[in-house]
Structures are given as C-alpha cells and as structure tokens.
C-alpha cells in the first residue's frame, strides 16, 4: 500500500508542558517586577516632605483648637511659623478579654475558676440536661449569659431560644426570666444563632 501525502495540511503543533511552564514563569516574573516598581514608587513618594502639608495624629476622644498664629503670611514674612500640635499622652495598656462559653456543668466552672487569670465564663440558661448554671454563676465574681438564639441550621431549639418568629412581648418575657436567673449578668453573647 502506498500512502499519498494529503494536500493543504499543516502539521499541528501540540503545546507541551514546557511552553505552559515557561508562560507561567514569564507572567510570575512580570507580576513580581510590577510589585517591586509600585513598592519603590510608594517609598519615593513617602520620602518627599512637602512644606505646605501638616500631618496631625488625633485620637478619637481628643479635640484640637487652631493655633494662635495666622495662616496668612505678612507682606514682609518669608514663611509662617506654625507650632506643632502634640496630642496628649494617653496612659492606657491594651486589654484582652477571655470568654469561655457553653458553661453549664460544675466541672466546667471549677476548671475555669482554677485558671490563674481573669476569665469570664458565659453560662447557658438552665435546662433539663444542665440545671446547674444558675447556681454556678452565683459563685463567680463576673459572668455572662450565653443566650440561645435561632440558627439557620440546628437540630433542635432549646426552650429558652429566642426565635425570629417570637413577638416582642415573648422576647421580653424570655429575657426577663433570664435576668431573674442571672441577676448580676450585664453582658450576653450568642449561642447558636
């Protein structure tokens, strides 16, 4: 059998892994170069200190009155002296609050209270499976209530769970009962919902 060459056909070139890898490296190198250029441009911009710009850091609870000097130069003055605005020194340290929730059993409360730090337990309202949380909270200096809220997906709601279908009066009644059980509770955090 003799094979005749096909007319007007070109050999198809298959892309190899090598060419795909090469393209990936070229794109990656371009991204890195662009990132370096933008970092260098930002650094150069930050190094410039225009004389007509005043930078002031003001904390959220501070008010600043304008300086007593005028911002308009006299005819004979070459520049205006503006005294620096220095915010007052604030003497506060960062604070961290550690809250452990889902507390309902005596063993849990004992372990939390044995931690040599100020840890806040958050108690679930009493229920049939865990009726002790009201008494356990009385032994704590500070505590929270782990308030059951309706979730999009959960197996079963607890008796005290606040539901989106509850009326305003029903929600108030449930919260009133919780406040009676936990009279020193100031804060709540959400359980489930």
C-alpha atoms as a PDB file:
ATOM      1  CA  UNK A   1       0.000   0.000   0.000  1.00  0.00           C
ATOM      2  CA  UNK A   2       1.331   3.369  -0.983  1.00  0.00           C
ATOM      3  CA  UNK A   3       0.466   6.400   1.044  1.00  0.00           C
ATOM      4  CA  UNK A   4      -0.079   9.655  -0.686  1.00  0.00           C
ATOM      5  CA  UNK A   5       0.529  12.896   1.164  1.00  0.00           C
ATOM      6  CA  UNK A   6      -2.519  14.927   1.996  1.00  0.00           C
ATOM      7  CA  UNK A   7      -2.856  18.222   0.274  1.00  0.00           C
ATOM      8  CA  UNK A   8      -3.033  21.571   2.095  1.00  0.00           C
ATOM      9  CA  UNK A   9      -2.467  20.141   5.514  1.00  0.00           C
ATOM     10  CA  UNK A  10      -0.102  21.530   8.001  1.00  0.00           C
ATOM     11  CA  UNK A  11       1.344  19.694  10.921  1.00  0.00           C
ATOM     12  CA  UNK A  12      -0.345  20.638  14.098  1.00  0.00           C
ATOM     13  CA  UNK A  13       1.919  21.650  16.888  1.00  0.00           C
ATOM     14  CA  UNK A  14       0.921  20.439  20.258  1.00  0.00           C
ATOM     15  CA  UNK A  15       1.580  22.661  23.195  1.00  0.00           C
ATOM     16  CA  UNK A  16       3.914  20.972  25.566  1.00  0.00           C
ATOM     17  CA  UNK A  17       4.205  21.311  29.283  1.00  0.00           C
ATOM     18  CA  UNK A  18       7.423  23.175  28.740  1.00  0.00           C
ATOM     19  CA  UNK A  19       5.745  26.038  26.886  1.00  0.00           C
ATOM     20  CA  UNK A  20       2.972  26.287  29.503  1.00  0.00           C
ATOM     21  CA  UNK A  21       5.536  26.340  32.301  1.00  0.00           C
ATOM     22  CA  UNK A  22       7.553  28.996  30.500  1.00  0.00           C
ATOM     23  CA  UNK A  23       4.439  31.178  30.143  1.00  0.00           C
ATOM     24  CA  UNK A  24       3.709  30.745  33.840  1.00  0.00           C
ATOM     25  CA  UNK A  25       7.212  31.873  34.804  1.00  0.00           C
ATOM     26  CA  UNK A  26       7.042  34.889  32.485  1.00  0.00           C
ATOM     27  CA  UNK A  27       3.724  36.000  33.965  1.00  0.00           C
ATOM     28  CA  UNK A  28       5.011  35.442  37.500  1.00  0.00           C
ATOM     29  CA  UNK A  29       8.161  37.450  36.809  1.00  0.00           C
ATOM     30  CA  UNK A  30       6.087  40.297  35.354  1.00  0.00           C
ATOM     31  CA  UNK A  31       3.875  40.384  38.470  1.00  0.00           C
ATOM     32  CA  UNK A  32       6.911  40.461  40.763  1.00  0.00           C
ATOM     33  CA  UNK A  33       8.524  43.264  38.738  1.00  0.00           C
ATOM     34  CA  UNK A  34       5.310  45.331  38.818  1.00  0.00           C
ATOM     35  CA  UNK A  35       5.024  44.806  42.580  1.00  0.00           C
ATOM     36  CA  UNK A  36       8.626  45.949  43.117  1.00  0.00           C
ATOM     37  CA  UNK A  37       8.069  49.028  40.955  1.00  0.00           C
ATOM     38  CA  UNK A  38       4.962  50.000  42.923  1.00  0.00           C
ATOM     39  CA  UNK A  39       6.772  49.499  46.259  1.00  0.00           C
ATOM     40  CA  UNK A  40       9.694  51.650  45.125  1.00  0.00           C
ATOM     41  CA  UNK A  41       7.304  54.342  43.845  1.00  0.00           C
ATOM     42  CA  UNK A  42       5.439  54.352  47.174  1.00  0.00           C
ATOM     43  CA  UNK A  43       8.707  54.636  49.116  1.00  0.00           C
ATOM     44  CA  UNK A  44       9.860  57.550  46.978  1.00  0.00           C
ATOM     45  CA  UNK A  45       6.511  59.254  47.457  1.00  0.00           C
ATOM     46  CA  UNK A  46       6.730  58.851  51.245  1.00  0.00           C
ATOM     47  CA  UNK A  47      10.257  60.281  51.310  1.00  0.00           C
ATOM     48  CA  UNK A  48       9.036  63.557  49.822  1.00  0.00           C
ATOM     49  CA  UNK A  49       8.030  66.020  52.516  1.00  0.00           C
ATOM     50  CA  UNK A  50       6.122  68.908  51.038  1.00  0.00           C
ATOM     51  CA  UNK A  51       6.489  72.046  53.144  1.00  0.00           C
ATOM     52  CA  UNK A  52       2.840  73.026  52.820  1.00  0.00           C
ATOM     53  CA  UNK A  53       1.412  69.854  54.399  1.00  0.00           C
ATOM     54  CA  UNK A  54       0.923  69.440  58.151  1.00  0.00           C
ATOM     55  CA  UNK A  55       0.420  65.914  59.482  1.00  0.00           C
ATOM     56  CA  UNK A  56      -1.554  65.644  62.707  1.00  0.00           C
ATOM     57  CA  UNK A  57      -2.461  62.456  64.569  1.00  0.00           C
ATOM     58  CA  UNK A  58      -5.596  62.901  66.627  1.00  0.00           C
ATOM     59  CA  UNK A  59      -7.105  60.243  68.854  1.00  0.00           C
ATOM     60  CA  UNK A  60     -10.853  59.705  68.687  1.00  0.00           C
ATOM     61  CA  UNK A  61     -11.600  61.366  72.023  1.00  0.00           C
ATOM     62  CA  UNK A  62      -9.448  64.461  71.521  1.00  0.00           C
ATOM     63  CA  UNK A  63     -10.363  67.913  70.282  1.00  0.00           C
ATOM     64  CA  UNK A  64      -7.812  70.347  68.902  1.00  0.00           C
ATOM     65  CA  UNK A  65      -8.189  74.089  68.689  1.00  0.00           C
ATOM     66  CA  UNK A  66      -6.373  76.004  65.940  1.00  0.00           C
ATOM     67  CA  UNK A  67      -3.016  77.574  66.791  1.00  0.00           C
ATOM     68  CA  UNK A  68      -2.901  81.253  67.720  1.00  0.00           C
ATOM     69  CA  UNK A  69      -0.788  82.179  64.696  1.00  0.00           C
ATOM     70  CA  UNK A  70      -2.335  83.231  61.461  1.00  0.00           C
ATOM     71  CA  UNK A  71      -2.007  81.044  58.404  1.00  0.00           C
ATOM     72  CA  UNK A  72      -1.713  84.027  56.076  1.00  0.00           C
ATOM     73  CA  UNK A  73       1.843  85.385  55.870  1.00  0.00           C
ATOM     74  CA  UNK A  74       2.596  89.040  56.440  1.00  0.00           C
ATOM     75  CA  UNK A  75       3.792  91.001  53.483  1.00  0.00           C
ATOM     76  CA  UNK A  76       7.340  91.068  54.904  1.00  0.00           C
ATOM     77  CA  UNK A  77       7.453  87.446  56.172  1.00  0.00           C
ATOM     78  CA  UNK A  78       9.006  84.707  54.066  1.00  0.00           C
ATOM     79  CA  UNK A  79       7.147  81.892  55.843  1.00  0.00           C
ATOM     80  CA  UNK A  80       4.652  81.252  58.663  1.00  0.00           C
ATOM     81  CA  UNK A  81       5.717  79.516  61.878  1.00  0.00           C
ATOM     82  CA  UNK A  82       3.046  77.069  62.979  1.00  0.00           C
ATOM     83  CA  UNK A  83       3.640  75.484  66.374  1.00  0.00           C
ATOM     84  CA  UNK A  84       3.437  71.700  66.365  1.00  0.00           C
ATOM     85  CA  UNK A  85       0.197  70.157  67.598  1.00  0.00           C
ATOM     86  CA  UNK A  86       1.071  67.384  70.016  1.00  0.00           C
ATOM     87  CA  UNK A  87      -1.690  65.053  71.150  1.00  0.00           C
ATOM     88  CA  UNK A  88      -1.793  64.386  74.882  1.00  0.00           C
ATOM     89  CA  UNK A  89      -0.105  61.258  76.123  1.00  0.00           C
ATOM     90  CA  UNK A  90      -2.665  58.546  76.779  1.00  0.00           C
ATOM     91  CA  UNK A  91      -1.761  56.172  79.597  1.00  0.00           C
ATOM     92  CA  UNK A  92      -3.627  53.000  78.641  1.00  0.00           C
ATOM     93  CA  UNK A  93      -2.499  49.455  78.154  1.00  0.00           C
ATOM     94  CA  UNK A  94      -4.006  47.014  75.667  1.00  0.00           C
ATOM     95  CA  UNK A  95      -6.621  44.728  77.186  1.00  0.00           C
ATOM     96  CA  UNK A  96      -7.592  41.180  76.383  1.00  0.00           C
ATOM     97  CA  UNK A  97     -10.898  39.628  77.360  1.00  0.00           C
ATOM     98  CA  UNK A  98     -11.091  35.846  77.532  1.00  0.00           C
ATOM     99  CA  UNK A  99     -14.614  34.423  77.436  1.00  0.00           C
ATOM    100  CA  UNK A 100     -15.377  30.721  77.688  1.00  0.00           C
ATOM    101  CA  UNK A 101     -18.935  29.920  76.725  1.00  0.00           C
ATOM    102  CA  UNK A 102     -21.231  26.885  76.791  1.00  0.00           C
ATOM    103  CA  UNK A 103     -20.663  26.612  80.553  1.00  0.00           C
ATOM    104  CA  UNK A 104     -23.393  24.506  82.181  1.00  0.00           C
ATOM    105  CA  UNK A 105     -21.768  21.912  84.462  1.00  0.00           C
ATOM    106  CA  UNK A 106     -19.921  22.150  87.813  1.00  0.00           C
ATOM    107  CA  UNK A 107     -16.739  20.534  86.454  1.00  0.00           C
ATOM    108  CA  UNK A 108     -16.532  23.173  83.694  1.00  0.00           C
ATOM    109  CA  UNK A 109     -16.972  26.030  86.166  1.00  0.00           C
ATOM    110  CA  UNK A 110     -14.330  24.563  88.518  1.00  0.00           C
ATOM    111  CA  UNK A 111     -11.764  24.344  85.722  1.00  0.00           C
ATOM    112  CA  UNK A 112     -12.481  27.883  84.535  1.00  0.00           C
ATOM    113  CA  UNK A 113     -12.250  29.303  88.061  1.00  0.00           C
ATOM    114  CA  UNK A 114      -8.941  27.470  88.617  1.00  0.00           C
ATOM    115  CA  UNK A 115      -7.276  29.368  85.745  1.00  0.00           C
ATOM    116  CA  UNK A 116      -4.923  31.967  87.304  1.00  0.00           C
ATOM    117  CA  UNK A 117      -6.268  34.724  85.027  1.00  0.00           C
ATOM    118  CA  UNK A 118      -9.416  36.804  84.851  1.00  0.00           C
ATOM    119  CA  UNK A 119     -11.501  34.558  82.629  1.00  0.00           C
ATOM    120  CA  UNK A 120     -15.188  35.260  82.040  1.00  0.00           C
ATOM    121  CA  UNK A 121     -17.479  32.229  81.973  1.00  0.00           C
ATOM    122  CA  UNK A 122     -20.612  32.542  79.887  1.00  0.00           C
ATOM    123  CA  UNK A 123     -23.380  30.320  81.269  1.00  0.00           C
ATOM    124  CA  UNK A 124     -26.130  28.684  79.292  1.00  0.00           C
ATOM    125  CA  UNK A 125     -29.576  29.252  80.807  1.00  0.00           C
ATOM    126  CA  UNK A 126     -30.691  26.275  82.913  1.00  0.00           C
ATOM    127  CA  UNK A 127     -32.240  23.386  81.004  1.00  0.00           C
ATOM    128  CA  UNK A 128     -33.221  19.803  81.774  1.00  0.00           C
ATOM    129  CA  UNK A 129     -29.823  18.430  80.688  1.00  0.00           C
ATOM    130  CA  UNK A 130     -27.894  21.082  82.657  1.00  0.00           C
ATOM    131  CA  UNK A 131     -29.905  22.587  85.516  1.00  0.00           C
ATOM    132  CA  UNK A 132     -26.871  23.894  87.449  1.00  0.00           C
ATOM    133  CA  UNK A 133     -25.845  27.052  85.598  1.00  0.00           C
ATOM    134  CA  UNK A 134     -27.874  29.435  87.779  1.00  0.00           C
ATOM    135  CA  UNK A 135     -26.174  28.195  90.979  1.00  0.00           C
ATOM    136  CA  UNK A 136     -22.744  28.061  89.332  1.00  0.00           C
ATOM    137  CA  UNK A 137     -22.995  31.688  88.198  1.00  0.00           C
ATOM    138  CA  UNK A 138     -23.573  32.803  91.796  1.00  0.00           C
ATOM    139  CA  UNK A 139     -20.084  31.502  92.696  1.00  0.00           C
ATOM    140  CA  UNK A 140     -18.429  33.702  90.046  1.00  0.00           C
ATOM    141  CA  UNK A 141     -17.347  37.279  90.554  1.00  0.00           C
ATOM    142  CA  UNK A 142     -18.170  38.171  86.951  1.00  0.00           C
ATOM    143  CA  UNK A 143     -20.028  36.174  84.314  1.00  0.00           C
ATOM    144  CA  UNK A 144     -22.064  36.442  81.141  1.00  0.00           C
ATOM    145  CA  UNK A 145     -25.137  34.657  79.823  1.00  0.00           C
ATOM    146  CA  UNK A 146     -24.708  32.510  76.725  1.00  0.00           C
ATOM    147  CA  UNK A 147     -28.043  33.378  75.154  1.00  0.00           C
ATOM    148  CA  UNK A 148     -29.532  30.790  72.762  1.00  0.00           C
ATOM    149  CA  UNK A 149     -30.581  32.429  69.500  1.00  0.00           C
ATOM    150  CA  UNK A 150     -32.267  30.866  66.500  1.00  0.00           C
ATOM    151  CA  UNK A 151     -29.815  29.445  63.967  1.00  0.00           C
ATOM    152  CA  UNK A 152     -30.294  28.778  60.261  1.00  0.00           C
ATOM    153  CA  UNK A 153     -29.494  25.087  60.802  1.00  0.00           C
ATOM    154  CA  UNK A 154     -29.642  23.286  64.105  1.00  0.00           C
ATOM    155  CA  UNK A 155     -31.144  20.033  65.271  1.00  0.00           C
ATOM    156  CA  UNK A 156     -33.450  21.377  67.951  1.00  0.00           C
ATOM    157  CA  UNK A 157     -34.098  24.656  69.643  1.00  0.00           C
ATOM    158  CA  UNK A 158     -33.796  24.923  73.394  1.00  0.00           C
ATOM    159  CA  UNK A 159     -36.809  26.003  75.418  1.00  0.00           C
ATOM    160  CA  UNK A 160     -35.391  29.479  76.056  1.00  0.00           C
ATOM    161  CA  UNK A 161     -34.114  30.050  72.471  1.00  0.00           C
ATOM    162  CA  UNK A 162     -35.072  33.432  71.055  1.00  0.00           C
ATOM    163  CA  UNK A 163     -36.738  32.859  67.692  1.00  0.00           C
ATOM    164  CA  UNK A 164     -37.248  35.262  64.813  1.00  0.00           C
ATOM    165  CA  UNK A 165     -40.916  34.310  64.907  1.00  0.00           C
ATOM    166  CA  UNK A 166     -41.228  35.391  68.569  1.00  0.00           C
ATOM    167  CA  UNK A 167     -43.187  38.541  69.246  1.00  0.00           C
ATOM    168  CA  UNK A 168     -41.611  41.461  71.051  1.00  0.00           C
ATOM    169  CA  UNK A 169     -43.525  40.554  74.209  1.00  0.00           C
ATOM    170  CA  UNK A 170     -42.352  36.900  74.106  1.00  0.00           C
ATOM    171  CA  UNK A 171     -38.718  38.006  73.696  1.00  0.00           C
ATOM    172  CA  UNK A 172     -39.061  40.413  76.639  1.00  0.00           C
ATOM    173  CA  UNK A 173     -40.607  37.669  78.778  1.00  0.00           C
ATOM    174  CA  UNK A 174     -37.757  35.243  77.988  1.00  0.00           C
ATOM    175  CA  UNK A 175     -35.141  37.914  78.739  1.00  0.00           C
ATOM    176  CA  UNK A 176     -36.921  38.834  81.984  1.00  0.00           C
ATOM    177  CA  UNK A 177     -36.757  35.198  83.118  1.00  0.00           C
ATOM    178  CA  UNK A 178     -33.034  35.020  82.260  1.00  0.00           C
ATOM    179  CA  UNK A 179     -32.404  38.265  84.177  1.00  0.00           C
ATOM    180  CA  UNK A 180     -34.155  36.761  87.225  1.00  0.00           C
ATOM    181  CA  UNK A 181     -31.955  33.647  86.987  1.00  0.00           C
ATOM    182  CA  UNK A 182     -28.752  35.666  86.453  1.00  0.00           C
ATOM    183  CA  UNK A 183     -29.288  38.965  88.304  1.00  0.00           C
ATOM    184  CA  UNK A 184     -25.651  40.130  88.093  1.00  0.00           C
ATOM    185  CA  UNK A 185     -25.341  39.472  84.361  1.00  0.00           C
ATOM    186  CA  UNK A 186     -24.579  42.630  82.424  1.00  0.00           C
ATOM    187  CA  UNK A 187     -23.488  41.147  79.116  1.00  0.00           C
ATOM    188  CA  UNK A 188     -24.802  38.416  76.843  1.00  0.00           C
ATOM    189  CA  UNK A 189     -23.169  36.558  73.993  1.00  0.00           C
ATOM    190  CA  UNK A 190     -24.950  34.487  71.423  1.00  0.00           C
ATOM    191  CA  UNK A 191     -25.305  30.715  71.417  1.00  0.00           C
ATOM    192  CA  UNK A 192     -26.035  29.004  68.053  1.00  0.00           C
ATOM    193  CA  UNK A 193     -27.632  31.856  66.080  1.00  0.00           C
END
